[in-house]
Amino acid sequence: MAININNDSMIQDEPVLEPVNDFSLQNANDAASQASTKGQGSTAHGLSAEEQTDPNKIIVTIADKSTPIIVLFGPPSCGKTMTLVRMTRYLRSEGYTVQPIRTFRPTADSHYSEMCQNFDGMINSSDAARSTNRISFMLVMVMKKGKPICQILEAPGEYYFNPDDPFKQFPTYIHSIITGDNRKIWSIFVEPDWNDLTPRMNYVTKIGKLKSQLNPTDKVLFVYNKVDTTDYVISPGNVKLNLIQKNIEDLYPNIFTFFENQNPITKFFTKYNCDLVPFQTGFYHEPTMTGVTYNEGPKPYAQALWNKWLKLING
């Protein structure tokens, strides 16, 4: 696998990498950046006092150890929760079943139980952007005609990378996911203009640490969120992928270096063992009495992300 800038729903100029396979009110800064305060001096909802004090005490359970897990990986407010919302809506519209896995958190976690109970309401609401303040942990199963396809994990960004404490180790529960039996598709979020250079470089370092711990069967997909805020969009779903890749390399120097193909035969055709997809969660309108109104983004972005996930699940 290589960074893929060939996609039927995307337009490219001259590719920078070798192809192989396949905040205006326009989106109110993705609302996930405004509505969510996770990791910015706050604590994740639903955790016990012991877990709040020591993240190494956080308990999660992956009961299904054979179905691949798509891990939404990124710092606080990067759009992971709204990606879960958008993709749940898209997948359900395509005939998939998406439902929360209730055994992921201990039964004593009443907050998680309530989120599972109200999952459909959160997903379908025009006020869905408020879910960025409600969802701390969520593991959902995606099925087609009763057959499990994948699990999608959304978890607090500050435990993956906290700009205020960039060199803190992953807590125990993340290591348990990393070393677990499931194949993982690590969907690493980047965006066009996130933070200053130092936090971005620290984020690159954290991604390098993650890469050093991944299983050989794990896959990595870079999700370039908020593509609609850039000049790289020709029309919804049609984007200049080579310019997106260059933008990532400029903003996050050496971010792809960890994924260089070391195979002496195939490296001339596939430079990096990772993939790339542009994405937009949706549109966010000026706050009302009940909160920010959310409208889902253009279908081609959700379709492209799902196609990438399927390719990596099956590959």
Protein backbone atom coordinates (compact mmCIF):
# COMPACT_ATOMS: atom_id res chain seq x y z
CA MET A 1 0.00 0.00 0.00
CA ALA A 2 1.19 3.52 -0.71
CA ILE A 3 -0.20 6.96 -0.21
CA ASN A 4 -2.92 6.82 -2.77
CA ILE A 5 -3.80 9.88 -4.77
CA ASN A 6 -5.77 7.97 -7.35
CA ASN A 7 -9.49 7.96 -6.61
CA ASP A 8 -12.40 7.94 -9.01
CA SER A 9 -14.16 10.65 -6.99
CA MET A 10 -11.07 12.85 -6.75
CA ILE A 11 -9.11 14.93 -9.24
CA GLN A 12 -5.33 15.10 -9.14
CA ASP A 13 -2.60 17.14 -10.77
CA GLU A 14 0.88 15.73 -11.18
CA PRO A 15 1.28 13.34 -8.21
CA VAL A 16 4.01 13.99 -5.70
CA LEU A 17 4.02 10.40 -4.50
CA GLU A 18 3.74 7.31 -6.62
CA PRO A 19 0.13 6.12 -6.89
CA VAL A 20 -0.46 2.42 -6.49
CA ASN A 21 -4.04 1.38 -5.82
CA ASP A 22 -6.65 2.60 -5.97
CA PHE A 23 -13.25 28.49 9.91
CA SER A 24 -16.02 30.83 8.45
CA LEU A 25 -19.59 29.91 9.36
CA GLN A 26 -19.46 27.62 6.36
CA ASN A 27 -18.43 24.96 8.80
CA ALA A 28 -18.00 27.07 11.93
CA ASN A 29 -14.46 25.85 12.27
CA ASP A 30 -15.87 22.33 12.02
CA ALA A 31 -17.73 22.99 15.26
CA ALA A 32 -15.71 20.18 16.70
CA SER A 33 -13.03 22.79 17.25
CA GLN A 34 -15.44 25.17 18.90
CA ALA A 35 -17.97 22.95 20.60
CA SER A 36 -15.52 20.46 22.08
CA THR A 37 -13.29 21.31 25.00
CA LYS A 38 -12.01 17.82 25.62
CA GLY A 39 -8.34 17.89 26.51
CA GLN A 40 -8.23 21.65 26.98
CA GLY A 41 -8.19 21.67 30.76
CA SER A 42 -11.31 19.52 31.02
CA THR A 43 -11.79 15.87 31.85
CA ALA A 44 -13.45 13.15 29.84
CA HIS A 45 -17.08 12.57 30.72
CA GLY A 46 -18.16 9.35 32.40
CA LEU A 47 -14.85 8.33 33.94
CA SER A 48 -14.70 7.23 37.54
CA ALA A 49 -12.83 9.37 40.06
CA GLU A 50 -9.98 6.88 39.95
CA GLU A 51 -9.85 7.00 36.14
CA GLN A 52 -9.97 10.79 36.16
CA THR A 53 -6.99 10.91 38.51
CA ASP A 54 -5.01 8.20 36.72
CA PRO A 55 -5.78 7.48 33.04
CA ASN A 56 -3.90 4.19 33.42
CA LYS A 57 -6.90 3.01 35.42
CA ILE A 58 -9.28 3.50 32.48
CA ILE A 59 -11.01 0.22 31.69
CA VAL A 60 -12.13 -0.74 28.19
CA THR A 61 -13.05 -4.15 26.82
CA ILE A 62 -12.83 -5.31 23.21
CA ALA A 63 -15.11 -8.34 23.34
CA ASP A 64 -14.95 -9.09 19.60
CA LYS A 65 -11.30 -9.86 18.95
CA SER A 66 -11.65 -10.86 15.31
CA THR A 67 -13.44 -7.90 13.70
CA PRO A 68 -11.01 -5.14 12.62
CA ILE A 69 -11.02 -1.87 14.55
CA ILE A 70 -10.87 1.53 12.87
CA VAL A 71 -9.18 3.80 15.41
CA LEU A 72 -9.92 7.50 15.02
CA PHE A 73 -6.59 8.96 16.18
CA GLY A 74 -5.90 12.65 16.73
CA PRO A 75 -5.61 15.52 19.20
CA PRO A 76 -8.59 17.09 20.97
CA SER A 77 -11.09 18.88 18.69
CA CYS A 78 -9.71 17.50 15.44
CA GLY A 79 -13.09 16.21 14.28
CA LYS A 80 -13.09 12.57 15.40
CA THR A 81 -16.52 12.68 17.03
CA MET A 82 -18.16 14.43 14.10
CA THR A 83 -16.51 11.94 11.76
CA LEU A 84 -18.25 9.19 13.72
CA VAL A 85 -21.53 11.09 13.38
CA ARG A 86 -21.09 11.70 9.65
CA MET A 87 -19.98 8.15 8.85
CA THR A 88 -22.80 6.62 10.90
CA ARG A 89 -25.32 8.65 8.92
CA TYR A 90 -23.68 7.71 5.63
CA LEU A 91 -23.38 4.01 6.40
CA ARG A 92 -26.97 3.74 7.55
CA SER A 93 -28.08 5.44 4.33
CA GLU A 94 -26.18 2.72 2.44
CA GLY A 95 -27.93 -0.12 4.24
CA TYR A 96 -25.37 -0.83 6.95
CA THR A 97 -26.25 -1.31 10.59
CA VAL A 98 -24.25 0.85 13.01
CA GLN A 99 -24.80 0.33 16.72
CA PRO A 100 -22.85 1.01 19.91
CA ILE A 101 -21.11 -1.85 21.67
CA ARG A 102 -22.36 -1.71 25.24
CA THR A 103 -19.65 -3.95 26.71
CA PHE A 104 -16.85 -1.55 25.78
CA ARG A 105 -17.02 0.27 29.12
CA PRO A 106 -17.85 -1.15 32.58
CA THR A 107 -21.53 -1.41 33.47
CA ALA A 108 -20.83 1.04 36.32
CA ASP A 109 -20.19 3.75 33.72
CA SER A 110 -23.72 5.15 33.60
CA HIS A 111 -22.59 7.92 31.23
CA TYR A 112 -21.53 5.36 28.59
CA SER A 113 -24.75 3.40 29.09
CA GLU A 114 -26.73 6.59 28.55
CA MET A 115 -24.75 7.42 25.40
CA CYS A 116 -25.48 3.95 24.03
CA GLN A 117 -29.15 4.35 24.88
CA ASN A 118 -29.35 7.76 23.20
CA PHE A 119 -26.94 7.02 20.34
CA ASP A 120 -29.55 7.24 17.58
CA GLY A 121 -30.87 10.53 18.93
CA MET A 122 -27.40 12.06 19.02
CA ILE A 123 -26.53 10.86 15.53
CA ASN A 124 -29.74 12.01 13.87
CA SER A 125 -30.17 15.35 15.61
CA SER A 126 -29.55 18.63 13.76
CA ASP A 127 -27.86 19.53 17.04
CA ALA A 128 -25.38 16.67 16.58
CA ALA A 129 -22.40 18.99 17.03
CA ARG A 130 -23.15 18.98 20.75
CA SER A 131 -22.14 15.33 20.75
CA THR A 132 -18.52 16.52 20.81
CA ASN A 133 -19.18 17.49 24.43
CA ARG A 134 -21.11 14.31 25.21
CA ILE A 135 -19.09 11.49 23.70
CA SER A 136 -15.94 10.59 25.60
CA PHE A 137 -15.62 6.97 24.56
CA MET A 138 -17.63 5.19 21.93
CA LEU A 139 -17.10 1.85 20.21
CA VAL A 140 -19.58 0.99 17.48
CA MET A 141 -20.05 -2.09 15.31
CA VAL A 142 -20.69 -1.77 11.59
CA MET A 143 -22.59 -4.68 10.04
CA LYS A 144 -24.11 -5.58 6.70
CA LYS A 145 -26.97 -8.10 6.74
CA GLY A 146 -25.94 -9.15 10.23
CA LYS A 147 -22.28 -9.74 9.30
CA PRO A 148 -19.71 -7.67 11.21
CA ILE A 149 -17.58 -5.50 8.92
CA CYS A 150 -15.58 -3.42 11.38
CA GLN A 151 -15.61 -1.66 14.73
CA ILE A 152 -15.05 2.11 14.94
CA LEU A 153 -13.43 3.55 18.07
CA GLU A 154 -13.73 7.18 19.14
CA ALA A 155 -11.85 8.12 22.30
CA PRO A 156 -10.66 11.35 23.98
CA GLY A 157 -7.98 13.06 21.93
CA GLU A 158 -5.95 14.14 24.94
CA TYR A 159 -4.97 10.50 25.53
CA TYR A 160 -3.59 10.22 22.00
CA PHE A 161 -1.91 13.62 21.89
CA ASN A 162 -2.35 16.55 24.22
CA PRO A 163 -0.57 19.74 23.03
CA ASP A 164 -0.30 20.81 26.69
CA ASP A 165 1.53 17.59 27.60
CA PRO A 166 2.88 16.31 24.27
CA PHE A 167 5.40 13.75 25.53
CA LYS A 168 3.18 11.92 27.97
CA GLN A 169 3.02 8.20 27.26
CA PHE A 170 -0.10 6.52 26.01
CA PRO A 171 -2.22 5.25 28.91
CA THR A 172 -2.58 1.52 29.48
CA TYR A 173 -5.88 1.16 27.64
CA ILE A 174 -4.36 2.49 24.39
CA HIS A 175 -1.47 0.06 24.70
CA SER A 176 -3.98 -2.75 25.22
CA ILE A 177 -5.67 -1.76 21.95
CA ILE A 178 -2.32 -1.48 20.14
CA THR A 179 -1.25 -4.94 21.27
CA GLY A 180 -4.69 -6.55 20.93
CA ASP A 181 -5.52 -9.35 18.51
CA ASN A 182 -7.73 -7.23 16.22
CA ARG A 183 -6.32 -5.82 13.02
CA LYS A 184 -6.31 -2.04 13.32
CA ILE A 185 -6.77 0.70 10.76
CA TRP A 186 -5.27 3.80 12.37
CA SER A 187 -7.06 6.81 10.91
CA ILE A 188 -4.72 9.68 11.80
CA PHE A 189 -6.29 13.14 11.61
CA VAL A 190 -4.47 16.14 10.18
CA GLU A 191 -5.96 19.43 9.03
CA PRO A 192 -4.96 22.44 6.93
CA ASP A 193 -4.07 24.97 9.62
CA TRP A 194 -3.89 23.36 13.03
CA ASN A 195 -2.02 25.08 15.84
CA ASP A 196 1.59 26.36 15.67
CA LEU A 197 4.67 24.63 14.31
CA THR A 198 5.92 23.33 17.67
CA PRO A 199 2.70 21.47 18.56
CA ARG A 200 2.54 20.11 15.01
CA MET A 201 6.11 18.83 15.24
CA ASN A 202 5.34 17.27 18.61
CA TYR A 203 2.33 15.60 17.02
CA VAL A 204 4.61 14.19 14.32
CA THR A 205 6.88 12.81 17.04
CA LYS A 206 3.88 11.16 18.72
CA ILE A 207 2.85 9.56 15.44
CA GLY A 208 6.37 8.20 15.13
CA LYS A 209 6.07 6.63 18.57
CA LEU A 210 2.74 5.11 17.55
CA LYS A 211 4.23 3.70 14.35
CA SER A 212 7.05 2.02 16.29
CA GLN A 213 4.46 0.05 18.29
CA LEU A 214 2.10 -1.04 15.51
CA ASN A 215 1.59 -4.65 14.50
CA PRO A 216 2.74 -5.63 10.99
CA THR A 217 -0.88 -6.23 9.97
CA ASP A 218 -2.01 -2.75 11.06
CA LYS A 219 -2.73 -0.13 8.40
CA VAL A 220 -2.45 3.66 8.50
CA LEU A 221 -4.72 6.17 6.78
CA PHE A 222 -4.19 9.92 7.03
CA VAL A 223 -7.52 11.76 7.16
CA TYR A 224 -7.14 15.33 5.91
CA ASN A 225 -10.14 16.85 7.66
CA LYS A 226 -11.71 20.24 6.86
CA VAL A 227 -10.65 20.09 3.24
CA ASP A 228 -13.54 22.46 2.49
CA THR A 229 -11.63 25.30 4.20
CA THR A 230 -8.85 25.09 1.60
CA ASP A 231 -8.37 26.20 -1.98
CA TYR A 232 -7.76 22.61 -3.07
CA VAL A 233 -11.43 21.81 -3.73
CA ILE A 234 -12.60 22.07 -7.33
CA SER A 235 -16.09 20.81 -6.48
CA PRO A 236 -17.40 18.59 -3.66
CA GLY A 237 -15.35 15.41 -3.80
CA ASN A 238 -13.07 16.71 -6.56
CA VAL A 239 -9.83 17.92 -4.99
CA LYS A 240 -6.19 18.50 -5.86
CA LEU A 241 -4.69 15.65 -3.91
CA ASN A 242 -1.08 16.38 -4.78
CA LEU A 243 -1.44 19.87 -3.24
CA ILE A 244 -3.07 18.37 -0.16
CA GLN A 245 -0.15 16.02 0.28
CA LYS A 246 2.32 18.88 -0.11
CA ASN A 247 0.36 20.95 2.42
CA ILE A 248 0.59 18.10 4.93
CA GLU A 249 4.33 17.75 4.35
CA ASP A 250 4.82 21.50 4.79
CA LEU A 251 2.73 21.77 7.96
CA TYR A 252 3.87 18.49 9.51
CA PRO A 253 7.49 18.02 8.32
CA ASN A 254 8.63 14.38 8.06
CA ILE A 255 5.19 13.04 8.99
CA PHE A 256 5.34 10.44 6.22
CA THR A 257 8.96 9.46 6.88
CA PHE A 258 7.95 6.83 9.45
CA PHE A 259 6.04 4.99 6.75
CA GLU A 260 8.74 4.83 4.07
CA ASN A 261 8.72 1.56 2.19
CA GLN A 262 11.92 -0.30 3.03
CA ASN A 263 11.37 -3.13 0.56
CA PRO A 264 14.24 -2.81 -1.96
CA ILE A 265 12.06 -4.13 -4.80
CA THR A 266 8.73 -2.37 -4.29
CA LYS A 267 9.98 0.95 -2.87
CA PHE A 268 10.48 2.29 -6.41
CA PHE A 269 6.74 1.95 -6.98
CA THR A 270 5.33 2.57 -3.50
CA LYS A 271 7.27 5.14 -1.54
CA TYR A 272 5.15 5.17 1.64
CA ASN A 273 3.22 2.41 3.36
CA CYS A 274 0.24 4.56 4.27
CA ASP A 275 -2.75 6.09 2.58
CA LEU A 276 -4.43 9.50 2.39
CA VAL A 277 -8.01 10.74 2.03
CA PRO A 278 -9.50 14.26 2.14
CA PHE A 279 -12.61 14.65 4.27
CA GLN A 280 -15.32 17.04 5.39
CA THR A 281 -17.70 16.23 8.23
CA GLY A 282 -20.33 18.84 7.36
CA PHE A 283 -21.60 22.39 7.74
CA TYR A 284 -22.10 24.17 11.05
CA HIS A 285 -24.37 27.17 11.41
CA GLU A 286 -24.41 30.00 13.88
CA PRO A 287 -25.32 28.88 17.41
CA THR A 288 -29.02 28.90 18.20
CA MET A 289 -30.79 28.66 21.52
CA THR A 290 -30.18 24.90 21.45
CA GLY A 291 -26.69 24.93 19.99
CA VAL A 292 -24.85 24.78 16.65
CA THR A 293 -27.00 23.43 13.82
CA TYR A 294 -25.28 20.64 11.89
CA ASN A 295 -25.82 19.60 8.28
CA GLU A 296 -23.87 16.66 6.93
CA GLY A 297 -21.22 17.29 4.30
CA PRO A 298 -21.23 16.19 0.66
CA LYS A 299 -21.63 12.46 0.17
CA PRO A 300 -18.47 11.93 -1.96
CA TYR A 301 -16.22 12.60 1.04
CA ALA A 302 -17.97 10.03 3.23
CA GLN A 303 -18.04 7.60 0.33
CA ALA A 304 -14.30 8.03 -0.31
CA LEU A 305 -13.44 7.52 3.37
CA TRP A 306 -15.56 4.38 3.59
CA ASN A 307 -14.00 3.00 0.39
CA LYS A 308 -10.54 3.56 1.85
CA TRP A 309 -11.52 1.84 5.07
CA LEU A 310 -12.96 -1.12 3.17
CA LYS A 311 -9.81 -1.44 1.09
CA LEU A 312 -7.64 -1.48 4.21
CA ILE A 313 -10.00 -3.87 6.03
CA ASN A 314 -9.89 -6.31 3.17
CA GLY A 315 -6.29 -5.76 2.15
